[in-house]
């Protein structure tokens, strides 16, 4: 008989919740970052520049993390 595997396991829910909280924290930071730059005396253009750099940095760090994890698993499986 085939064993039925469930998608909604405890580990899956914990990973899903963690992912949601990480992305929510980035969203909250991003939505207030422009106001913080303006409060420090920056212009609207500098606020946009800072937000763009923050977004690029965030995405590059996340892709690097995902890529290194995937390549690390592939290297480990070849051994």
Foldseek 3Di string as FASTA:
>chain_A
DDDDDDPPDPVNVVVVVVVVVVVVVVVVCLVCQLVVCVVVPHDSVVSVVVSVVVVVVVVVVVVVVVVVVVVVVVVVVVD
